[in-house]
Amino acid sequence: MQAIVIAVDVSSEANPVVEALQNLYISPETTLVLAHVLAPVPSDIPADIPGKNSEPHEQILKAEQYLESQAKRIATTLGDEWNGVLEVEIASGDPAEEIVRLAGIYEADLIVLGSRGLAGMNRVILGSVSAQVVEQSRCSVYVVK
C-alpha cells in the first residue's frame, strides 16, 4: 500500500483505530495520513458574538495536540523499520465527504476509521459516517468497532 488515511475523532474512541494498525502489514514506504474533521462553523452566527472566532481556533489547537500524540503512538507502534511519511490533516466540513476527499488527494489504498456502533433509530437519525465512507470511497475501507 502506498497511502493509508487514518480518520480519528478527538476522543478515547480513536484508540482502537490506532491500535488496529497493528493488524495490518504496513510497508516501510507507506504514507500514513492521520486525519480529523471538525464540524463547520455555522455561518449564521452574528459576527459580534463574543468568542465566535476563538472556538474554532481552540478546536483546531485541541485537534492538533491530540493528533500529534496519536502520531507518536503510531510511530512507536510501527517501530524503527517503518520510515514512511506521516502527514497530519485537519479538515472542516461533512466528515464522510472530507475523509473521502483526503483519500482521493493522497491516492489512498485504504481508509481506516472507527464506528460508534449506532443501531436502530440512532443510526437512522444521526447517520453513520463509516457507512457513508464505505459507500462513497473508491478504495478499501477498514471499519474498526
C-alpha atoms as a PDB file:
ATOM      1  CA  MET A   1       0.000   0.000   0.000  1.00  0.00           C
ATOM      2  CA  GLN A   2       1.267   3.424  -0.893  1.00  0.00           C
ATOM      3  CA  ALA A   3      -1.046   5.505   1.318  1.00  0.00           C
ATOM      4  CA  ILE A   4      -3.454   4.928   4.184  1.00  0.00           C
ATOM      5  CA  VAL A   5      -5.835   7.542   5.585  1.00  0.00           C
ATOM      6  CA  ILE A   6      -6.459   7.042   9.305  1.00  0.00           C
ATOM      7  CA  ALA A   7      -9.530   9.039  10.318  1.00  0.00           C
ATOM      8  CA  VAL A   8      -9.947   9.691  14.039  1.00  0.00           C
ATOM      9  CA  ASP A   9     -12.041  11.886  16.228  1.00  0.00           C
ATOM     10  CA  VAL A  10     -10.633  13.657  19.267  1.00  0.00           C
ATOM     11  CA  SER A  11     -11.739  11.132  21.881  1.00  0.00           C
ATOM     12  CA  SER A  12     -10.746   7.897  23.515  1.00  0.00           C
ATOM     13  CA  GLU A  13     -12.778   6.148  20.793  1.00  0.00           C
ATOM     14  CA  ALA A  14      -9.860   6.836  18.446  1.00  0.00           C
ATOM     15  CA  ASN A  15      -7.588   4.462  20.379  1.00  0.00           C
ATOM     16  CA  PRO A  16      -8.954   1.262  18.773  1.00  0.00           C
ATOM     17  CA  VAL A  17      -8.433   2.793  15.328  1.00  0.00           C
ATOM     18  CA  VAL A  18      -4.756   3.453  16.015  1.00  0.00           C
ATOM     19  CA  GLU A  19      -4.367   0.036  17.681  1.00  0.00           C
ATOM     20  CA  ALA A  20      -5.922  -1.642  14.613  1.00  0.00           C
ATOM     21  CA  LEU A  21      -2.879  -0.600  12.584  1.00  0.00           C
ATOM     22  CA  GLN A  22      -1.018  -3.422  14.334  1.00  0.00           C
ATOM     23  CA  ASN A  23      -3.248  -5.866  12.412  1.00  0.00           C
ATOM     24  CA  LEU A  24      -2.124  -4.513   9.042  1.00  0.00           C
ATOM     25  CA  TYR A  25       1.039  -5.026   7.085  1.00  0.00           C
ATOM     26  CA  ILE A  26       2.355  -1.533   6.514  1.00  0.00           C
ATOM     27  CA  SER A  27       5.375  -1.382   4.268  1.00  0.00           C
ATOM     28  CA  PRO A  28       8.272   0.846   5.319  1.00  0.00           C
ATOM     29  CA  GLU A  29       7.482   3.276   2.472  1.00  0.00           C
ATOM     30  CA  THR A  30       3.739   3.665   3.129  1.00  0.00           C
ATOM     31  CA  THR A  31       2.494   7.216   3.645  1.00  0.00           C
ATOM     32  CA  LEU A  32       0.109   7.480   6.588  1.00  0.00           C
ATOM     33  CA  VAL A  33      -2.357  10.353   6.779  1.00  0.00           C
ATOM     34  CA  LEU A  34      -3.756  10.929  10.259  1.00  0.00           C
ATOM     35  CA  ALA A  35      -6.938  12.929   9.717  1.00  0.00           C
ATOM     36  CA  HIS A  36      -9.564  14.644  11.829  1.00  0.00           C
ATOM     37  CA  VAL A  37     -12.627  16.520  10.573  1.00  0.00           C
ATOM     38  CA  LEU A  38     -14.022  19.482  12.501  1.00  0.00           C
ATOM     39  CA  ALA A  39     -17.656  20.447  12.267  1.00  0.00           C
ATOM     40  CA  PRO A  40     -18.021  23.592  10.165  1.00  0.00           C
ATOM     41  CA  VAL A  41     -18.738  26.852  11.970  1.00  0.00           C
ATOM     42  CA  PRO A  42     -22.318  27.897  11.214  1.00  0.00           C
ATOM     43  CA  SER A  43     -22.291  30.975   9.001  1.00  0.00           C
ATOM     44  CA  ASP A  44     -25.491  32.363  10.523  1.00  0.00           C
ATOM     45  CA  ILE A  45     -23.840  33.251  13.864  1.00  0.00           C
ATOM     46  CA  PRO A  46     -23.614  37.049  14.160  1.00  0.00           C
ATOM     47  CA  ALA A  47     -20.052  38.374  13.937  1.00  0.00           C
ATOM     48  CA  ASP A  48     -20.388  40.425  17.136  1.00  0.00           C
ATOM     49  CA  ILE A  49     -20.941  37.371  19.379  1.00  0.00           C
ATOM     50  CA  PRO A  50     -18.032  37.130  21.833  1.00  0.00           C
ATOM     51  CA  GLY A  51     -15.875  34.053  21.273  1.00  0.00           C
ATOM     52  CA  LYS A  52     -17.241  33.301  17.794  1.00  0.00           C
ATOM     53  CA  ASN A  53     -13.762  33.229  16.318  1.00  0.00           C
ATOM     54  CA  SER A  54     -11.996  31.742  19.356  1.00  0.00           C
ATOM     55  CA  GLU A  55     -13.991  28.482  19.486  1.00  0.00           C
ATOM     56  CA  PRO A  56     -12.817  27.172  16.081  1.00  0.00           C
ATOM     57  CA  HIS A  57      -9.248  28.196  16.983  1.00  0.00           C
ATOM     58  CA  GLU A  58      -9.487  26.242  20.258  1.00  0.00           C
ATOM     59  CA  GLN A  59     -10.915  23.214  18.417  1.00  0.00           C
ATOM     60  CA  ILE A  60      -8.029  23.297  15.960  1.00  0.00           C
ATOM     61  CA  LEU A  61      -5.438  23.541  18.751  1.00  0.00           C
ATOM     62  CA  LYS A  62      -7.051  20.658  20.635  1.00  0.00           C
ATOM     63  CA  ALA A  63      -7.159  18.561  17.460  1.00  0.00           C
ATOM     64  CA  GLU A  64      -3.519  19.364  16.631  1.00  0.00           C
ATOM     65  CA  GLN A  65      -2.356  18.347  20.103  1.00  0.00           C
ATOM     66  CA  TYR A  66      -4.363  15.147  20.025  1.00  0.00           C
ATOM     67  CA  LEU A  67      -3.230  14.199  16.529  1.00  0.00           C
ATOM     68  CA  GLU A  68       0.417  14.810  17.434  1.00  0.00           C
ATOM     69  CA  SER A  69       0.066  12.449  20.415  1.00  0.00           C
ATOM     70  CA  GLN A  70      -1.565   9.834  18.158  1.00  0.00           C
ATOM     71  CA  ALA A  71       1.169  10.307  15.545  1.00  0.00           C
ATOM     72  CA  LYS A  72       3.767   9.497  18.210  1.00  0.00           C
ATOM     73  CA  ARG A  73       1.790   6.385  19.187  1.00  0.00           C
ATOM     74  CA  ILE A  74       1.674   5.270  15.560  1.00  0.00           C
ATOM     75  CA  ALA A  75       5.404   5.825  15.051  1.00  0.00           C
ATOM     76  CA  THR A  76       6.131   3.850  18.221  1.00  0.00           C
ATOM     77  CA  THR A  77       3.751   1.061  17.199  1.00  0.00           C
ATOM     78  CA  LEU A  78       5.287   0.699  13.747  1.00  0.00           C
ATOM     79  CA  GLY A  79       8.827   0.798  15.081  1.00  0.00           C
ATOM     80  CA  ASP A  80      12.148   1.695  13.520  1.00  0.00           C
ATOM     81  CA  GLU A  81      11.651  -0.422  10.406  1.00  0.00           C
ATOM     82  CA  TRP A  82       8.903   1.950   9.183  1.00  0.00           C
ATOM     83  CA  ASN A  83      10.399   5.035   7.551  1.00  0.00           C
ATOM     84  CA  GLY A  84       7.396   6.310   5.637  1.00  0.00           C
ATOM     85  CA  VAL A  85       5.830   9.740   5.845  1.00  0.00           C
ATOM     86  CA  LEU A  86       3.200  10.538   8.453  1.00  0.00           C
ATOM     87  CA  GLU A  87       1.028  13.518   7.499  1.00  0.00           C
ATOM     88  CA  VAL A  88      -1.450  15.193   9.856  1.00  0.00           C
ATOM     89  CA  GLU A  89      -4.567  16.706   8.278  1.00  0.00           C
ATOM     90  CA  ILE A  90      -7.337  18.715   9.920  1.00  0.00           C
ATOM     91  CA  ALA A  91     -10.317  19.460   7.713  1.00  0.00           C
ATOM     92  CA  SER A  92     -13.654  21.135   8.276  1.00  0.00           C
ATOM     93  CA  GLY A  93     -16.961  20.021   6.841  1.00  0.00           C
ATOM     94  CA  ASP A  94     -19.005  16.877   6.451  1.00  0.00           C
ATOM     95  CA  PRO A  95     -16.852  14.093   7.966  1.00  0.00           C
ATOM     96  CA  ALA A  96     -17.614  11.423   5.359  1.00  0.00           C
ATOM     97  CA  GLU A  97     -17.070  13.785   2.426  1.00  0.00           C
ATOM     98  CA  GLU A  98     -13.819  15.139   3.857  1.00  0.00           C
ATOM     99  CA  ILE A  99     -12.409  11.689   4.625  1.00  0.00           C
ATOM    100  CA  VAL A 100     -13.169  10.507   1.092  1.00  0.00           C
ATOM    101  CA  ARG A 101     -11.734  13.762  -0.324  1.00  0.00           C
ATOM    102  CA  LEU A 102      -8.477  13.298   1.607  1.00  0.00           C
ATOM    103  CA  ALA A 103      -8.257   9.696   0.419  1.00  0.00           C
ATOM    104  CA  GLY A 104      -8.555  10.994  -3.143  1.00  0.00           C
ATOM    105  CA  ILE A 105      -5.900  13.667  -2.663  1.00  0.00           C
ATOM    106  CA  TYR A 106      -3.399  11.178  -1.255  1.00  0.00           C
ATOM    107  CA  GLU A 107      -4.489   8.427  -3.669  1.00  0.00           C
ATOM    108  CA  ALA A 108      -5.047   6.196  -0.642  1.00  0.00           C
ATOM    109  CA  ASP A 109      -5.272   2.439  -0.980  1.00  0.00           C
ATOM    110  CA  LEU A 110      -7.081   2.147   2.360  1.00  0.00           C
ATOM    111  CA  ILE A 111      -9.105   4.223   4.811  1.00  0.00           C
ATOM    112  CA  VAL A 112      -9.122   3.159   8.465  1.00  0.00           C
ATOM    113  CA  LEU A 113     -11.817   4.649  10.686  1.00  0.00           C
ATOM    114  CA  GLY A 114     -13.925   3.826  13.701  1.00  0.00           C
ATOM    115  CA  SER A 115     -17.565   3.084  14.134  1.00  0.00           C
ATOM    116  CA  ARG A 116     -19.562   4.435  17.045  1.00  0.00           C
ATOM    117  CA  GLY A 117     -21.732   1.335  16.963  1.00  0.00           C
ATOM    118  CA  LEU A 118     -25.000   3.169  16.430  1.00  0.00           C
ATOM    119  CA  ALA A 119     -28.009   0.974  15.840  1.00  0.00           C
ATOM    120  CA  GLY A 120     -31.706   1.329  15.172  1.00  0.00           C
ATOM    121  CA  MET A 121     -33.204   4.791  15.186  1.00  0.00           C
ATOM    122  CA  ASN A 122     -29.988   6.453  16.351  1.00  0.00           C
ATOM    123  CA  ARG A 123     -28.279   5.271  13.181  1.00  0.00           C
ATOM    124  CA  VAL A 124     -31.202   6.460  11.047  1.00  0.00           C
ATOM    125  CA  ILE A 125     -31.387   9.854  12.759  1.00  0.00           C
ATOM    126  CA  LEU A 126     -27.689  10.564  13.302  1.00  0.00           C
ATOM    127  CA  GLY A 127     -26.395   8.748  10.247  1.00  0.00           C
ATOM    128  CA  SER A 128     -23.224   6.728  10.073  1.00  0.00           C
ATOM    129  CA  VAL A 129     -20.016   8.317   8.891  1.00  0.00           C
ATOM    130  CA  SER A 130     -18.406   4.916   8.420  1.00  0.00           C
ATOM    131  CA  ALA A 131     -21.317   3.682   6.255  1.00  0.00           C
ATOM    132  CA  GLN A 132     -21.134   6.830   4.128  1.00  0.00           C
ATOM    133  CA  VAL A 133     -17.366   6.462   3.695  1.00  0.00           C
ATOM    134  CA  VAL A 134     -17.761   2.812   2.667  1.00  0.00           C
ATOM    135  CA  GLU A 135     -20.403   3.825   0.143  1.00  0.00           C
ATOM    136  CA  GLN A 136     -18.553   6.845  -1.308  1.00  0.00           C
ATOM    137  CA  SER A 137     -14.936   5.686  -1.225  1.00  0.00           C
ATOM    138  CA  ARG A 138     -13.057   4.416  -4.267  1.00  0.00           C
ATOM    139  CA  CYS A 139     -10.606   2.476  -2.091  1.00  0.00           C
ATOM    140  CA  SER A 140     -10.956  -0.203   0.571  1.00  0.00           C
ATOM    141  CA  VAL A 141     -12.258   0.827   3.985  1.00  0.00           C
ATOM    142  CA  TYR A 142     -11.381  -0.859   7.285  1.00  0.00           C
ATOM    143  CA  VAL A 143     -14.038  -0.036   9.898  1.00  0.00           C
ATOM    144  CA  VAL A 144     -12.936  -0.648  13.486  1.00  0.00           C
ATOM    145  CA  LYS A 145     -15.550  -1.193  16.204  1.00  0.00           C
END
